[in-house]
Amino acid sequence: MHWPALSMFAESCITSVSISEIPNPRIYQNTQAELRRAQRRVARRKKGSKRRRRAVLLLQKVHQGITHRRRDFLHKLSTAVIRKYGTVKVEGLNVSGMSRGKLAKQILDCSWSEWFRQLRYKAAEAGRRLVAVDPKYTSQICSQCGFKHPDNRKTQAHFACLSCGYQDHADHNAAVNISARNEPLDANVSGVALCVV
């Protein structure tokens, strides 16, 4: 039986063994110009004026549009995954900790926590299994020979094993490693946001 092992990265929203790579739609990033104009409009209006209130409403609509487009994308994606597979393996990532790092904006734009929340409740409703796998070294271990080294992952996208010479897309290699792991994450799962991708 084949089930997807989902690997989350900021570059591609999801990478899986049995699903093709789903690119990050970058909804927030693509709306930056519109957002900037709306914020500038608010800043130029006099505080307490009717025009400022109208400008604030327009700014709220831009933010609301970002939220709605992101949620629509995540609902369609999570529904498709849950309908297609009986068991879905995901990385048990600490999203709140990761969202304080260098890739914070990209991680928050992907909205990993929301997507994992949707996968959790949809899997429960549909009677499917959602398994959180320990994410340690999934991007550093070779899926062919099992050799682990930090230099195996040359760049964000390129994986080249120093031992056997195997080369692959780094996200796909990580998804294969997640698929091969059988043990569920036994650490405090409630404290970790399940990254099911």
Protein backbone atom coordinates (compact mmCIF):
# COMPACT_ATOMS: atom_id res chain seq x y z
CA MET A 1 0.00 0.00 0.00
CA HIS A 2 1.34 3.41 -0.94
CA TRP A 3 0.76 6.42 1.29
CA PRO A 4 2.14 9.88 1.00
CA ALA A 5 4.99 11.01 3.17
CA LEU A 6 4.77 14.74 3.21
CA SER A 7 7.78 16.96 3.67
CA MET A 8 7.36 20.68 4.35
CA PHE A 9 9.69 23.30 2.94
CA ALA A 10 9.38 27.01 2.30
CA GLU A 11 10.38 26.68 -1.37
CA SER A 12 7.71 24.13 -2.24
CA CYS A 13 4.63 23.95 -0.10
CA ILE A 14 4.64 20.14 -0.07
CA THR A 15 6.91 17.47 -1.39
CA SER A 16 5.78 13.89 -1.35
CA VAL A 17 6.84 10.46 -2.51
CA SER A 18 3.54 9.64 -4.22
CA ILE A 19 2.28 13.18 -4.86
CA SER A 20 4.08 15.51 -7.20
CA GLU A 21 5.73 18.56 -5.70
CA ILE A 22 3.18 21.27 -4.96
CA PRO A 23 4.74 24.72 -5.24
CA ASN A 24 4.27 27.35 -2.58
CA PRO A 25 1.63 29.78 -3.93
CA ARG A 26 3.32 32.67 -2.05
CA ILE A 27 0.01 34.42 -1.51
CA TYR A 28 1.35 37.00 0.96
CA GLN A 29 4.47 37.69 -1.09
CA ASN A 30 2.45 38.15 -4.30
CA THR A 31 0.11 40.62 -2.57
CA GLN A 32 2.90 42.79 -1.12
CA ALA A 33 2.48 45.63 -3.67
CA GLU A 34 -1.27 45.87 -3.09
CA LEU A 35 -0.75 45.71 0.66
CA ARG A 36 1.94 48.40 0.53
CA ARG A 37 -0.37 50.75 -1.40
CA ALA A 38 -3.22 50.21 1.07
CA GLN A 39 -0.95 50.82 4.07
CA ARG A 40 0.47 53.96 2.48
CA ARG A 41 -3.07 55.22 1.88
CA VAL A 42 -3.89 54.76 5.59
CA ALA A 43 -0.67 56.49 6.67
CA ARG A 44 -1.42 59.56 4.53
CA ARG A 45 -4.89 60.12 5.95
CA LYS A 46 -5.54 62.35 8.95
CA LYS A 47 -6.22 60.41 12.15
CA GLY A 48 -9.89 60.34 13.10
CA SER A 49 -11.13 61.33 9.63
CA LYS A 50 -13.75 59.54 7.57
CA ARG A 51 -11.26 59.03 4.75
CA ARG A 52 -8.88 57.27 7.12
CA ARG A 53 -11.66 54.94 8.32
CA ARG A 54 -12.41 54.12 4.67
CA ALA A 55 -8.71 53.51 3.97
CA VAL A 56 -8.49 51.22 7.02
CA LEU A 57 -11.46 49.24 5.73
CA LEU A 58 -9.72 48.82 2.38
CA LEU A 59 -6.55 47.64 4.15
CA GLN A 60 -8.60 45.14 6.14
CA LYS A 61 -10.11 43.84 2.88
CA VAL A 62 -6.63 43.25 1.45
CA HIS A 63 -5.60 41.28 4.55
CA GLN A 64 -8.89 39.39 4.47
CA GLY A 65 -8.33 38.51 0.81
CA ILE A 66 -4.90 37.08 1.64
CA THR A 67 -6.42 34.99 4.44
CA HIS A 68 -9.28 33.72 2.26
CA ARG A 69 -7.04 32.77 -0.68
CA ARG A 70 -4.60 30.96 1.61
CA ARG A 71 -7.37 29.10 3.45
CA ASP A 72 -9.03 28.13 0.15
CA PHE A 73 -5.74 26.69 -1.17
CA LEU A 74 -5.10 24.76 2.07
CA HIS A 75 -8.65 23.35 2.22
CA LYS A 76 -8.49 22.11 -1.36
CA LEU A 77 -5.06 20.58 -0.82
CA SER A 78 -5.83 18.89 2.52
CA THR A 79 -9.15 17.53 1.23
CA ALA A 80 -7.46 16.04 -1.84
CA VAL A 81 -4.76 14.34 0.27
CA ILE A 82 -7.20 12.94 2.84
CA ARG A 83 -9.63 11.67 0.17
CA LYS A 84 -6.89 9.92 -1.77
CA TYR A 85 -4.94 8.18 1.02
CA GLY A 86 -5.79 6.10 4.08
CA THR A 87 -2.54 6.89 5.91
CA VAL A 88 -0.61 10.14 5.68
CA LYS A 89 2.84 10.51 7.25
CA VAL A 90 4.07 13.98 8.11
CA GLU A 91 7.02 15.61 9.81
CA GLY A 92 6.38 16.56 13.44
CA LEU A 93 7.96 19.99 13.12
CA ASN A 94 8.13 22.73 15.73
CA VAL A 95 6.53 25.35 13.50
CA SER A 96 6.39 28.07 16.14
CA GLY A 97 10.13 27.72 16.73
CA MET A 98 10.92 27.60 13.02
CA SER A 99 8.85 30.70 12.36
CA ARG A 100 11.32 32.76 14.40
CA GLY A 101 14.25 31.95 12.12
CA LYS A 102 15.56 33.17 8.78
CA LEU A 103 12.70 31.66 6.78
CA ALA A 104 9.97 33.00 9.07
CA LYS A 105 8.09 34.96 6.42
CA GLN A 106 8.08 32.04 3.97
CA ILE A 107 7.00 29.55 6.64
CA LEU A 108 4.18 31.80 7.82
CA ASP A 109 3.16 32.43 4.20
CA CYS A 110 2.79 28.65 3.71
CA SER A 111 0.68 28.52 6.88
CA TRP A 112 1.96 25.09 7.93
CA SER A 113 0.20 25.03 11.29
CA GLU A 114 -3.17 25.73 9.70
CA TRP A 115 -2.62 23.06 7.09
CA PHE A 116 -1.69 20.48 9.73
CA ARG A 117 -4.73 21.46 11.78
CA GLN A 118 -6.92 20.89 8.71
CA LEU A 119 -5.27 17.55 8.00
CA ARG A 120 -5.77 16.44 11.61
CA TYR A 121 -9.48 17.17 11.76
CA LYS A 122 -10.21 15.95 8.21
CA ALA A 123 -8.33 12.69 8.85
CA ALA A 124 -10.29 12.18 12.07
CA GLU A 125 -13.63 12.88 10.33
CA ALA A 126 -12.83 10.58 7.40
CA GLY A 127 -11.42 7.77 9.56
CA ARG A 128 -7.94 8.14 8.06
CA ARG A 129 -4.60 7.86 9.85
CA LEU A 130 -2.32 10.84 10.23
CA VAL A 131 1.11 9.87 11.54
CA ALA A 132 3.63 12.43 12.81
CA VAL A 133 7.20 11.26 12.21
CA ASP A 134 10.30 12.52 13.99
CA PRO A 135 11.86 15.02 11.55
CA LYS A 136 15.46 14.62 12.76
CA TYR A 137 17.95 14.28 9.93
CA THR A 138 15.35 13.56 7.22
CA SER A 139 17.08 16.02 4.91
CA GLN A 140 20.61 14.78 5.73
CA ILE A 141 20.17 11.00 5.42
CA CYS A 142 20.59 9.36 2.02
CA SER A 143 17.40 7.50 1.10
CA GLN A 144 19.44 4.91 -0.84
CA CYS A 145 22.31 3.91 1.48
CA GLY A 146 21.32 5.50 4.81
CA PHE A 147 24.52 7.56 5.16
CA LYS A 148 23.96 10.65 7.34
CA HIS A 149 26.02 13.79 6.98
CA PRO A 150 25.13 17.53 7.04
CA ASP A 151 27.06 18.08 3.80
CA ASN A 152 24.80 15.64 1.92
CA ARG A 153 22.39 18.50 1.46
CA LYS A 154 24.41 20.86 -0.71
CA THR A 155 21.76 23.56 -1.10
CA GLN A 156 18.11 24.06 -0.20
CA ALA A 157 17.11 22.09 -3.29
CA HIS A 158 20.02 19.75 -4.09
CA PHE A 159 20.92 16.49 -2.31
CA ALA A 160 24.12 14.57 -3.13
CA CYS A 161 25.23 11.65 -0.94
CA LEU A 162 28.92 11.78 -0.06
CA SER A 163 29.04 8.00 0.40
CA CYS A 164 27.23 6.43 -2.57
CA GLY A 165 26.97 9.45 -4.89
CA TYR A 166 23.15 9.34 -5.11
CA GLN A 167 21.66 12.67 -6.27
CA ASP A 168 18.08 13.86 -5.94
CA HIS A 169 15.98 16.88 -5.11
CA ALA A 170 16.51 17.42 -1.37
CA ASP A 171 12.79 17.69 -0.58
CA HIS A 172 11.99 14.45 -2.43
CA ASN A 173 14.83 12.64 -0.64
CA ALA A 174 13.43 13.86 2.71
CA ALA A 175 9.93 12.65 1.74
CA VAL A 176 11.33 9.18 0.95
CA ASN A 177 13.05 9.12 4.38
CA ILE A 178 9.80 10.14 6.09
CA SER A 179 7.95 7.38 4.25
CA ALA A 180 10.52 4.82 5.42
CA ARG A 181 10.19 5.74 9.10
CA ASN A 182 7.68 3.65 11.01
CA GLU A 183 7.87 5.06 14.50
CA PRO A 184 5.42 7.82 15.39
CA LEU A 185 6.63 10.92 17.14
CA ASP A 186 6.48 10.04 20.84
CA ALA A 187 7.56 13.46 22.13
CA ASN A 188 4.87 15.81 23.38
CA VAL A 189 2.80 15.98 20.21
CA SER A 190 0.40 18.50 21.71
CA GLY A 191 3.28 20.96 22.14
CA VAL A 192 4.49 20.47 18.58
CA ALA A 193 2.45 21.70 15.67
CA LEU A 194 2.03 18.72 13.35
CA CYS A 195 3.52 19.51 10.00
CA VAL A 196 1.81 17.07 7.76
CA VAL A 197 3.49 17.67 4.51
